[in-house]
PDB file of all heavy atoms in Angstrom:
ATOM      1  N   ALA A   1       3.740  -3.502  -8.392  1.00  0.00           N
ATOM      2  CA  ALA A   1       4.186  -4.472  -7.377  1.00  0.00           C
ATOM      3  C   ALA A   1       3.293  -4.410  -6.140  1.00  0.00           C
ATOM      4  O   ALA A   1       2.890  -5.451  -5.600  1.00  0.00           O
ATOM      5  CB  ALA A   1       5.640  -4.184  -6.995  1.00  0.00           C
ATOM      6  N   PHE A   2       2.940  -3.194  -5.710  1.00  0.00           N
ATOM      7  CA  PHE A   2       2.036  -3.042  -4.558  1.00  0.00           C
ATOM      8  C   PHE A   2       0.673  -3.649  -4.870  1.00  0.00           C
ATOM      9  O   PHE A   2       0.055  -4.288  -4.013  1.00  0.00           O
ATOM     10  CB  PHE A   2       1.883  -1.565  -4.208  1.00  0.00           C
ATOM     11  CG  PHE A   2       2.847  -1.104  -3.150  1.00  0.00           C
ATOM     12  CD1 PHE A   2       4.090  -0.600  -3.487  1.00  0.00           C
ATOM     13  CD2 PHE A   2       2.517  -1.198  -1.811  1.00  0.00           C
ATOM     14  CE1 PHE A   2       4.975  -0.189  -2.522  1.00  0.00           C
ATOM     15  CE2 PHE A   2       3.397  -0.781  -0.825  1.00  0.00           C
ATOM     16  CZ  PHE A   2       4.640  -0.277  -1.171  1.00  0.00           C
ATOM     17  N   GLU A   3       0.200  -3.438  -6.102  1.00  0.00           N
ATOM     18  CA  GLU A   3      -1.117  -3.962  -6.484  1.00  0.00           C
ATOM     19  C   GLU A   3      -1.120  -5.489  -6.477  1.00  0.00           C
ATOM     20  O   GLU A   3      -2.055  -6.121  -5.977  1.00  0.00           O
ATOM     21  CB  GLU A   3      -1.495  -3.443  -7.871  1.00  0.00           C
ATOM     22  CG  GLU A   3      -2.923  -3.764  -8.257  1.00  0.00           C
ATOM     23  CD  GLU A   3      -3.351  -3.048  -9.529  1.00  0.00           C
ATOM     24  OE1 GLU A   3      -2.618  -2.163 -10.007  1.00  0.00           O
ATOM     25  OE2 GLU A   3      -4.423  -3.396 -10.031  1.00  0.00           O
ATOM     26  N   ILE A   4      -0.065  -6.090  -7.014  1.00  0.00           N
ATOM     27  CA  ILE A   4       0.013  -7.561  -7.065  1.00  0.00           C
ATOM     28  C   ILE A   4       0.093  -8.140  -5.656  1.00  0.00           C
ATOM     29  O   ILE A   4      -0.629  -9.088  -5.308  1.00  0.00           O
ATOM     30  CB  ILE A   4       1.239  -7.995  -7.893  1.00  0.00           C
ATOM     31  CG1 ILE A   4       1.046  -7.603  -9.361  1.00  0.00           C
ATOM     32  CG2 ILE A   4       1.457  -9.507  -7.778  1.00  0.00           C
ATOM     33  CD1 ILE A   4       2.291  -7.779 -10.212  1.00  0.00           C
ATOM     34  N   VAL A   5       0.961  -7.567  -4.822  1.00  0.00           N
ATOM     35  CA  VAL A   5       1.131  -8.068  -3.443  1.00  0.00           C
ATOM     36  C   VAL A   5      -0.161  -7.859  -2.642  1.00  0.00           C
ATOM     37  O   VAL A   5      -0.612  -8.761  -1.929  1.00  0.00           O
ATOM     38  CB  VAL A   5       2.314  -7.366  -2.742  1.00  0.00           C
ATOM     39  CG1 VAL A   5       2.394  -7.804  -1.284  1.00  0.00           C
ATOM     40  CG2 VAL A   5       3.620  -7.694  -3.457  1.00  0.00           C
ATOM     41  N   GLY A   6      -0.760  -6.674  -2.777  1.00  0.00           N
ATOM     42  CA  GLY A   6      -1.980  -6.364  -2.028  1.00  0.00           C
ATOM     43  C   GLY A   6      -3.144  -7.246  -2.422  1.00  0.00           C
ATOM     44  O   GLY A   6      -3.814  -7.853  -1.582  1.00  0.00           O
ATOM     45  N   ASN A   7      -3.392  -7.377  -3.721  1.00  0.00           N
ATOM     46  CA  ASN A   7      -4.517  -8.183  -4.188  1.00  0.00           C
ATOM     47  C   ASN A   7      -4.329  -9.659  -3.924  1.00  0.00           C
ATOM     48  O   ASN A   7      -5.303 -10.407  -3.780  1.00  0.00           O
ATOM     49  CB  ASN A   7      -4.738  -7.972  -5.696  1.00  0.00           C
ATOM     50  CG  ASN A   7      -5.257  -6.573  -5.998  1.00  0.00           C
ATOM     51  OD1 ASN A   7      -5.778  -5.890  -5.118  1.00  0.00           O
ATOM     52  ND2 ASN A   7      -5.121  -6.132  -7.241  1.00  0.00           N
ATOM     53  N   GLY A   8      -3.063 -10.089  -3.853  1.00  0.00           N
ATOM     54  CA  GLY A   8      -2.809 -11.507  -3.659  1.00  0.00           C
ATOM     55  C   GLY A   8      -2.731 -11.946  -2.217  1.00  0.00           C
ATOM     56  O   GLY A   8      -2.635 -13.146  -1.940  1.00  0.00           O
ATOM     57  N   HIS A   9      -2.754 -10.999  -1.272  1.00  0.00           N
ATOM     58  CA  HIS A   9      -2.623 -11.368   0.141  1.00  0.00           C
ATOM     59  C   HIS A   9      -3.942 -11.881   0.685  1.00  0.00           C
ATOM     60  O   HIS A   9      -5.002 -11.313   0.440  1.00  0.00           O
ATOM     61  CB  HIS A   9      -2.138 -10.176   0.963  1.00  0.00           C
ATOM     62  CG  HIS A   9      -1.352 -10.581   2.169  1.00  0.00           C
ATOM     63  ND1 HIS A   9      -1.920 -11.173   3.269  1.00  0.00           N
ATOM     64  CD2 HIS A   9      -0.016 -10.513   2.431  1.00  0.00           C
ATOM     65  CE1 HIS A   9      -0.982 -11.431   4.169  1.00  0.00           C
ATOM     66  NE2 HIS A   9       0.185 -11.031   3.682  1.00  0.00           N
ATOM     67  N   GLU A  10      -3.872 -12.974   1.452  1.00  0.00           N
ATOM     68  CA  GLU A  10      -5.091 -13.597   1.969  1.00  0.00           C
ATOM     69  C   GLU A  10      -5.615 -12.940   3.246  1.00  0.00           C
ATOM     70  O   GLU A  10      -6.745 -13.164   3.647  1.00  0.00           O
ATOM     71  CB  GLU A  10      -4.823 -15.085   2.257  1.00  0.00           C
ATOM     72  CG  GLU A  10      -3.759 -15.326   3.300  1.00  0.00           C
ATOM     73  CD  GLU A  10      -3.479 -16.792   3.545  1.00  0.00           C
ATOM     74  OE1 GLU A  10      -3.913 -17.625   2.738  1.00  0.00           O
ATOM     75  OE2 GLU A  10      -2.830 -17.099   4.547  1.00  0.00           O
ATOM     76  N   LYS A  11      -4.803 -12.086   3.858  1.00  0.00           N
ATOM     77  CA  LYS A  11      -5.209 -11.446   5.115  1.00  0.00           C
ATOM     78  C   LYS A  11      -5.771 -10.060   4.826  1.00  0.00           C
ATOM     79  O   LYS A  11      -5.044  -9.181   4.362  1.00  0.00           O
ATOM     80  CB  LYS A  11      -3.983 -11.353   6.039  1.00  0.00           C
ATOM     81  CG  LYS A  11      -4.332 -11.171   7.507  1.00  0.00           C
ATOM     82  CD  LYS A  11      -3.073 -11.311   8.335  1.00  0.00           C
ATOM     83  CE  LYS A  11      -3.370 -11.229   9.809  1.00  0.00           C
ATOM     84  NZ  LYS A  11      -2.152 -11.364  10.628  1.00  0.00           N
ATOM     85  N   PRO A  12      -7.066  -9.834   5.085  1.00  0.00           N
ATOM     86  CA  PRO A  12      -7.685  -8.554   4.733  1.00  0.00           C
ATOM     87  C   PRO A  12      -7.007  -7.334   5.335  1.00  0.00           C
ATOM     88  O   PRO A  12      -6.891  -6.303   4.666  1.00  0.00           O
ATOM     89  CB  PRO A  12      -9.123  -8.699   5.260  1.00  0.00           C
ATOM     90  CG  PRO A  12      -9.359 -10.169   5.269  1.00  0.00           C
ATOM     91  CD  PRO A  12      -8.045 -10.787   5.619  1.00  0.00           C
ATOM     92  N   SER A  13      -6.562  -7.424   6.578  1.00  0.00           N
ATOM     93  CA  SER A  13      -5.940  -6.266   7.226  1.00  0.00           C
ATOM     94  C   SER A  13      -4.637  -5.880   6.534  1.00  0.00           C
ATOM     95  O   SER A  13      -4.306  -4.701   6.401  1.00  0.00           O
ATOM     96  CB  SER A  13      -5.680  -6.557   8.703  1.00  0.00           C
ATOM     97  OG  SER A  13      -4.942  -7.752   8.861  1.00  0.00           O
ATOM     98  N   VAL A  14      -3.887  -6.886   6.062  1.00  0.00           N
ATOM     99  CA  VAL A  14      -2.647  -6.606   5.332  1.00  0.00           C
ATOM    100  C   VAL A  14      -2.957  -6.052   3.948  1.00  0.00           C
ATOM    101  O   VAL A  14      -2.278  -5.137   3.475  1.00  0.00           O
ATOM    102  CB  VAL A  14      -1.785  -7.891   5.221  1.00  0.00           C
ATOM    103  CG1 VAL A  14      -0.479  -7.600   4.476  1.00  0.00           C
ATOM    104  CG2 VAL A  14      -1.473  -8.447   6.601  1.00  0.00           C
ATOM    105  N   GLN A  15      -3.991  -6.575   3.322  1.00  0.00           N
ATOM    106  CA  GLN A  15      -4.444  -6.029   2.034  1.00  0.00           C
ATOM    107  C   GLN A  15      -4.731  -4.547   2.160  1.00  0.00           C
ATOM    108  O   GLN A  15      -4.300  -3.730   1.336  1.00  0.00           O
ATOM    109  CB  GLN A  15      -5.705  -6.756   1.555  1.00  0.00           C
ATOM    110  CG  GLN A  15      -5.469  -8.104   0.927  1.00  0.00           C
ATOM    111  CD  GLN A  15      -6.743  -8.667   0.328  1.00  0.00           C
ATOM    112  OE1 GLN A  15      -7.845  -8.137   0.545  1.00  0.00           O
ATOM    113  NE2 GLN A  15      -6.622  -9.741  -0.420  1.00  0.00           N
ATOM    114  N   LYS A  16      -5.477  -4.202   3.194  1.00  0.00           N
ATOM    115  CA  LYS A  16      -5.860  -2.806   3.395  1.00  0.00           C
ATOM    116  C   LYS A  16      -4.630  -1.925   3.579  1.00  0.00           C
ATOM    117  O   LYS A  16      -4.526  -0.834   2.994  1.00  0.00           O
ATOM    118  CB  LYS A  16      -6.786  -2.685   4.602  1.00  0.00           C
ATOM    119  CG  LYS A  16      -7.266  -1.251   4.864  1.00  0.00           C
ATOM    120  CD  LYS A  16      -8.199  -1.228   6.058  1.00  0.00           C
ATOM    121  CE  LYS A  16      -8.748   0.190   6.273  1.00  0.00           C
ATOM    122  NZ  LYS A  16      -7.726   1.210   6.449  1.00  0.00           N
ATOM    123  N   LEU A  17      -3.677  -2.388   4.392  1.00  0.00           N
ATOM    124  CA  LEU A  17      -2.453  -1.617   4.646  1.00  0.00           C
ATOM    125  C   LEU A  17      -1.686  -1.389   3.352  1.00  0.00           C
ATOM    126  O   LEU A  17      -1.294  -0.254   3.040  1.00  0.00           O
ATOM    127  CB  LEU A  17      -1.584  -2.368   5.655  1.00  0.00           C
ATOM    128  CG  LEU A  17      -0.181  -1.804   5.893  1.00  0.00           C
ATOM    129  CD1 LEU A  17      -0.243  -0.400   6.484  1.00  0.00           C
ATOM    130  CD2 LEU A  17       0.617  -2.743   6.786  1.00  0.00           C
ATOM    131  N   ILE A  18      -1.467  -2.452   2.585  1.00  0.00           N
ATOM    132  CA  ILE A  18      -0.671  -2.351   1.344  1.00  0.00           C
ATOM    133  C   ILE A  18      -1.353  -1.452   0.326  1.00  0.00           C
ATOM    134  O   ILE A  18      -0.710  -0.619  -0.321  1.00  0.00           O
ATOM    135  CB  ILE A  18      -0.417  -3.763   0.766  1.00  0.00           C
ATOM    136  CG1 ILE A  18       0.450  -4.586   1.720  1.00  0.00           C
ATOM    137  CG2 ILE A  18       0.249  -3.677  -0.610  1.00  0.00           C
ATOM    138  CD1 ILE A  18       0.590  -6.034   1.343  1.00  0.00           C
ATOM    139  N   LEU A  19      -2.673  -1.600   0.194  1.00  0.00           N
ATOM    140  CA  LEU A  19      -3.402  -0.797  -0.800  1.00  0.00           C
ATOM    141  C   LEU A  19      -3.529   0.661  -0.362  1.00  0.00           C
ATOM    142  O   LEU A  19      -3.575   1.552  -1.218  1.00  0.00           O
ATOM    143  CB  LEU A  19      -4.779  -1.407  -1.054  1.00  0.00           C
ATOM    144  CG  LEU A  19      -4.723  -2.799  -1.721  1.00  0.00           C
ATOM    145  CD1 LEU A  19      -6.115  -3.384  -1.844  1.00  0.00           C
ATOM    146  CD2 LEU A  19      -4.059  -2.731  -3.081  1.00  0.00           C
ATOM    147  N   ASP A  20      -3.527   0.921   0.941  1.00  0.00           N
ATOM    148  CA  ASP A  20      -3.508   2.309   1.418  1.00  0.00           C
ATOM    149  C   ASP A  20      -2.179   2.979   1.046  1.00  0.00           C
ATOM    150  O   ASP A  20      -2.157   4.137   0.609  1.00  0.00           O
ATOM    151  CB  ASP A  20      -3.688   2.353   2.941  1.00  0.00           C
ATOM    152  CG  ASP A  20      -5.147   2.161   3.356  1.00  0.00           C
ATOM    153  OD1 ASP A  20      -6.023   2.193   2.463  1.00  0.00           O
ATOM    154  OD2 ASP A  20      -5.400   1.950   4.556  1.00  0.00           O
ATOM    155  N   VAL A  21      -1.073   2.242   1.219  1.00  0.00           N
ATOM    156  CA  VAL A  21       0.240   2.781   0.833  1.00  0.00           C
ATOM    157  C   VAL A  21       0.290   2.997  -0.676  1.00  0.00           C
ATOM    158  O   VAL A  21       0.793   4.022  -1.164  1.00  0.00           O
ATOM    159  CB  VAL A  21       1.364   1.817   1.276  1.00  0.00           C
ATOM    160  CG1 VAL A  21       2.724   2.304   0.762  1.00  0.00           C
ATOM    161  CG2 VAL A  21       1.402   1.701   2.793  1.00  0.00           C
ATOM    162  N   LYS A  22      -0.288   2.047  -1.430  1.00  0.00           N
ATOM    163  CA  LYS A  22      -0.306   2.166  -2.895  1.00  0.00           C
ATOM    164  C   LYS A  22      -1.062   3.418  -3.337  1.00  0.00           C
ATOM    165  O   LYS A  22      -0.648   4.141  -4.243  1.00  0.00           O
ATOM    166  CB  LYS A  22      -0.969   0.920  -3.493  1.00  0.00           C
ATOM    167  CG  LYS A  22      -1.085   0.947  -5.016  1.00  0.00           C
ATOM    168  CD  LYS A  22      -2.104  -0.098  -5.491  1.00  0.00           C
ATOM    169  CE  LYS A  22      -3.013   0.553  -6.488  1.00  0.00           C
ATOM    170  NZ  LYS A  22      -4.143  -0.220  -6.904  1.00  0.00           N
ATOM    171  N   MET A  23      -2.187   3.699  -2.669  1.00  0.00           N
ATOM    172  CA  MET A  23      -2.982   4.894  -2.994  1.00  0.00           C
ATOM    173  C   MET A  23      -2.163   6.165  -2.776  1.00  0.00           C
ATOM    174  O   MET A  23      -2.203   7.099  -3.589  1.00  0.00           O
ATOM    175  CB  MET A  23      -4.245   4.941  -2.142  1.00  0.00           C
ATOM    176  CG  MET A  23      -5.356   4.004  -2.609  1.00  0.00           C
ATOM    177  SD  MET A  23      -6.765   4.079  -1.492  1.00  0.00           S
ATOM    178  CE  MET A  23      -7.167   5.800  -1.575  1.00  0.00           C
ATOM    179  N   ASP A  24      -1.403   6.207  -1.674  1.00  0.00           N
ATOM    180  CA  ASP A  24      -0.575   7.389  -1.405  1.00  0.00           C
ATOM    181  C   ASP A  24       0.498   7.564  -2.476  1.00  0.00           C
ATOM    182  O   ASP A  24       0.787   8.694  -2.912  1.00  0.00           O
ATOM    183  CB  ASP A  24       0.091   7.247  -0.030  1.00  0.00           C
ATOM    184  CG  ASP A  24      -0.905   7.434   1.114  1.00  0.00           C
ATOM    185  OD1 ASP A  24      -1.891   8.166   0.916  1.00  0.00           O
ATOM    186  OD2 ASP A  24      -0.697   6.843   2.192  1.00  0.00           O
ATOM    187  N   ILE A  25       1.085   6.450  -2.916  1.00  0.00           N
ATOM    188  CA  ILE A  25       2.115   6.519  -3.962  1.00  0.00           C
ATOM    189  C   ILE A  25       1.501   6.993  -5.276  1.00  0.00           C
ATOM    190  O   ILE A  25       2.087   7.826  -5.990  1.00  0.00           O
ATOM    191  CB  ILE A  25       2.788   5.136  -4.147  1.00  0.00           C
ATOM    192  CG1 ILE A  25       3.546   4.764  -2.876  1.00  0.00           C
ATOM    193  CG2 ILE A  25       3.743   5.154  -5.336  1.00  0.00           C
ATOM    194  CD1 ILE A  25       4.061   3.343  -2.856  1.00  0.00           C
ATOM    195  N   GLU A  26       0.320   6.497  -5.601  1.00  0.00           N
ATOM    196  CA  GLU A  26      -0.371   6.939  -6.815  1.00  0.00           C
ATOM    197  C   GLU A  26      -0.703   8.433  -6.756  1.00  0.00           C
ATOM    198  O   GLU A  26      -0.782   9.100  -7.786  1.00  0.00           O
ATOM    199  CB  GLU A  26      -1.655   6.124  -7.020  1.00  0.00           C
ATOM    200  CG  GLU A  26      -1.400   4.697  -7.476  1.00  0.00           C
ATOM    201  CD  GLU A  26      -2.699   3.911  -7.616  1.00  0.00           C
ATOM    202  OE1 GLU A  26      -3.626   4.137  -6.816  1.00  0.00           O
ATOM    203  OE2 GLU A  26      -2.777   3.066  -8.510  1.00  0.00           O
ATOM    204  N   GLY A  27      -0.894   8.932  -5.556  1.00  0.00           N
ATOM    205  CA  GLY A  27      -1.186  10.353  -5.377  1.00  0.00           C
ATOM    206  C   GLY A  27       0.038  11.243  -5.451  1.00  0.00           C
ATOM    207  O   GLY A  27      -0.072  12.451  -5.245  1.00  0.00           O
ATOM    208  N   GLY A  28       1.220  10.648  -5.691  1.00  0.00           N
ATOM    209  CA  GLY A  28       2.428  11.441  -5.851  1.00  0.00           C
ATOM    210  C   GLY A  28       3.357  11.428  -4.653  1.00  0.00           C
ATOM    211  O   GLY A  28       4.405  12.093  -4.670  1.00  0.00           O
ATOM    212  N   THR A  29       3.018  10.679  -3.615  1.00  0.00           N
ATOM    213  CA  THR A  29       3.870  10.596  -2.420  1.00  0.00           C
ATOM    214  C   THR A  29       5.013   9.611  -2.653  1.00  0.00           C
ATOM    215  O   THR A  29       4.804   8.576  -3.296  1.00  0.00           O
ATOM    216  CB  THR A  29       3.033  10.145  -1.203  1.00  0.00           C
ATOM    217  OG1 THR A  29       1.909  11.006  -1.054  1.00  0.00           O
ATOM    218  CG2 THR A  29       3.854  10.173   0.073  1.00  0.00           C
ATOM    219  N   SER A  30       6.190   9.912  -2.139  1.00  0.00           N
ATOM    220  CA  SER A  30       7.310   8.967  -2.255  1.00  0.00           C
ATOM    221  C   SER A  30       7.042   7.757  -1.346  1.00  0.00           C
ATOM    222  O   SER A  30       6.238   7.829  -0.427  1.00  0.00           O
ATOM    223  CB  SER A  30       8.613   9.639  -1.854  1.00  0.00           C
ATOM    224  OG  SER A  30       8.575  10.013  -0.484  1.00  0.00           O
ATOM    225  N   LEU A  31       7.766   6.676  -1.612  1.00  0.00           N
ATOM    226  CA  LEU A  31       7.533   5.437  -0.863  1.00  0.00           C
ATOM    227  C   LEU A  31       7.799   5.626   0.628  1.00  0.00           C
ATOM    228  O   LEU A  31       6.980   5.201   1.459  1.00  0.00           O
ATOM    229  CB  LEU A  31       8.409   4.313  -1.427  1.00  0.00           C
ATOM    230  CG  LEU A  31       8.310   2.961  -0.700  1.00  0.00           C
ATOM    231  CD1 LEU A  31       6.882   2.453  -0.661  1.00  0.00           C
ATOM    232  CD2 LEU A  31       9.231   1.937  -1.336  1.00  0.00           C
ATOM    233  N   HIS A  32       8.912   6.259   0.981  1.00  0.00           N
ATOM    234  CA  HIS A  32       9.230   6.383   2.417  1.00  0.00           C
ATOM    235  C   HIS A  32       8.217   7.287   3.125  1.00  0.00           C
ATOM    236  O   HIS A  32       7.885   7.062   4.290  1.00  0.00           O
ATOM    237  CB  HIS A  32      10.671   6.877   2.616  1.00  0.00           C
ATOM    238  CG  HIS A  32      10.860   8.343   2.444  1.00  0.00           C
ATOM    239  ND1 HIS A  32      11.130   8.923   1.215  1.00  0.00           N
ATOM    240  CD2 HIS A  32      10.819   9.380   3.338  1.00  0.00           C
ATOM    241  CE1 HIS A  32      11.269  10.232   1.368  1.00  0.00           C
ATOM    242  NE2 HIS A  32      11.082  10.542   2.628  1.00  0.00           N
ATOM    243  N   GLU A  33       7.684   8.299   2.430  1.00  0.00           N
ATOM    244  CA  GLU A  33       6.660   9.155   3.025  1.00  0.00           C
ATOM    245  C   GLU A  33       5.348   8.405   3.205  1.00  0.00           C
ATOM    246  O   GLU A  33       4.651   8.572   4.212  1.00  0.00           O
ATOM    247  CB  GLU A  33       6.438  10.397   2.147  1.00  0.00           C
ATOM    248  CG  GLU A  33       7.605  11.376   2.174  1.00  0.00           C
ATOM    249  CD  GLU A  33       7.433  12.512   1.164  1.00  0.00           C
ATOM    250  OE1 GLU A  33       6.704  12.329   0.169  1.00  0.00           O
ATOM    251  OE2 GLU A  33       8.034  13.577   1.382  1.00  0.00           O
ATOM    252  N   ALA A  34       5.010   7.557   2.235  1.00  0.00           N
ATOM    253  CA  ALA A  34       3.795   6.750   2.335  1.00  0.00           C
ATOM    254  C   ALA A  34       3.892   5.753   3.479  1.00  0.00           C
ATOM    255  O   ALA A  34       2.926   5.539   4.227  1.00  0.00           O
ATOM    256  CB  ALA A  34       3.535   6.020   1.016  1.00  0.00           C
ATOM    257  N   LEU A  35       5.067   5.157   3.652  1.00  0.00           N
ATOM    258  CA  LEU A  35       5.269   4.213   4.751  1.00  0.00           C
ATOM    259  C   LEU A  35       5.260   4.920   6.108  1.00  0.00           C
ATOM    260  O   LEU A  35       4.772   4.362   7.106  1.00  0.00           O
ATOM    261  CB  LEU A  35       6.588   3.467   4.572  1.00  0.00           C
ATOM    262  CG  LEU A  35       6.713   2.563   3.336  1.00  0.00           C
ATOM    263  CD1 LEU A  35       8.106   1.978   3.243  1.00  0.00           C
ATOM    264  CD2 LEU A  35       5.674   1.458   3.362  1.00  0.00           C
ATOM    265  N   ALA A  36       5.779   6.156   6.131  1.00  0.00           N
ATOM    266  CA  ALA A  36       5.822   6.918   7.389  1.00  0.00           C
ATOM    267  C   ALA A  36       4.428   7.247   7.904  1.00  0.00           C
ATOM    268  O   ALA A  36       4.256   7.519   9.098  1.00  0.00           O
ATOM    269  CB  ALA A  36       6.627   8.197   7.184  1.00  0.00           C
ATOM    270  N   LYS A  37       3.410   7.204   7.024  1.00  0.00           N
ATOM    271  CA  LYS A  37       2.027   7.457   7.436  1.00  0.00           C
ATOM    272  C   LYS A  37       1.441   6.259   8.176  1.00  0.00           C
ATOM    273  O   LYS A  37       0.309   6.341   8.670  1.00  0.00           O
ATOM    274  CB  LYS A  37       1.160   7.791   6.220  1.00  0.00           C
ATOM    275  CG  LYS A  37       1.507   9.127   5.567  1.00  0.00           C
ATOM    276  CD  LYS A  37       0.602   9.394   4.373  1.00  0.00           C
ATOM    277  CE  LYS A  37       0.933  10.725   3.709  1.00  0.00           C
ATOM    278  NZ  LYS A  37       0.070  10.988   2.541  1.00  0.00           N
ATOM    279  N   GLN A  38       2.176   5.138   8.211  1.00  0.00           N
ATOM    280  CA  GLN A  38       1.711   3.929   8.901  1.00  0.00           C
ATOM    281  C   GLN A  38       2.718   3.556  10.004  1.00  0.00           C
ATOM    282  O   GLN A  38       3.354   2.503   9.956  1.00  0.00           O
ATOM    283  CB  GLN A  38       1.587   2.778   7.892  1.00  0.00           C
ATOM    284  CG  GLN A  38       0.768   3.067   6.659  1.00  0.00           C
ATOM    285  CD  GLN A  38      -0.710   3.154   6.943  1.00  0.00           C
ATOM    286  OE1 GLN A  38      -1.193   2.712   8.001  1.00  0.00           O
ATOM    287  NE2 GLN A  38      -1.486   3.722   6.026  1.00  0.00           N
TER     288      GLN A  38
END
């Protein structure tokens, strides 16, 4: 879901934010912890 939303967003800064959170989740971080980093 993060990948679809991130890749489909037309605003580069939002893409970067969403994909950064996605990377943290892929690394084993829970969603709320990944969001807390932003």
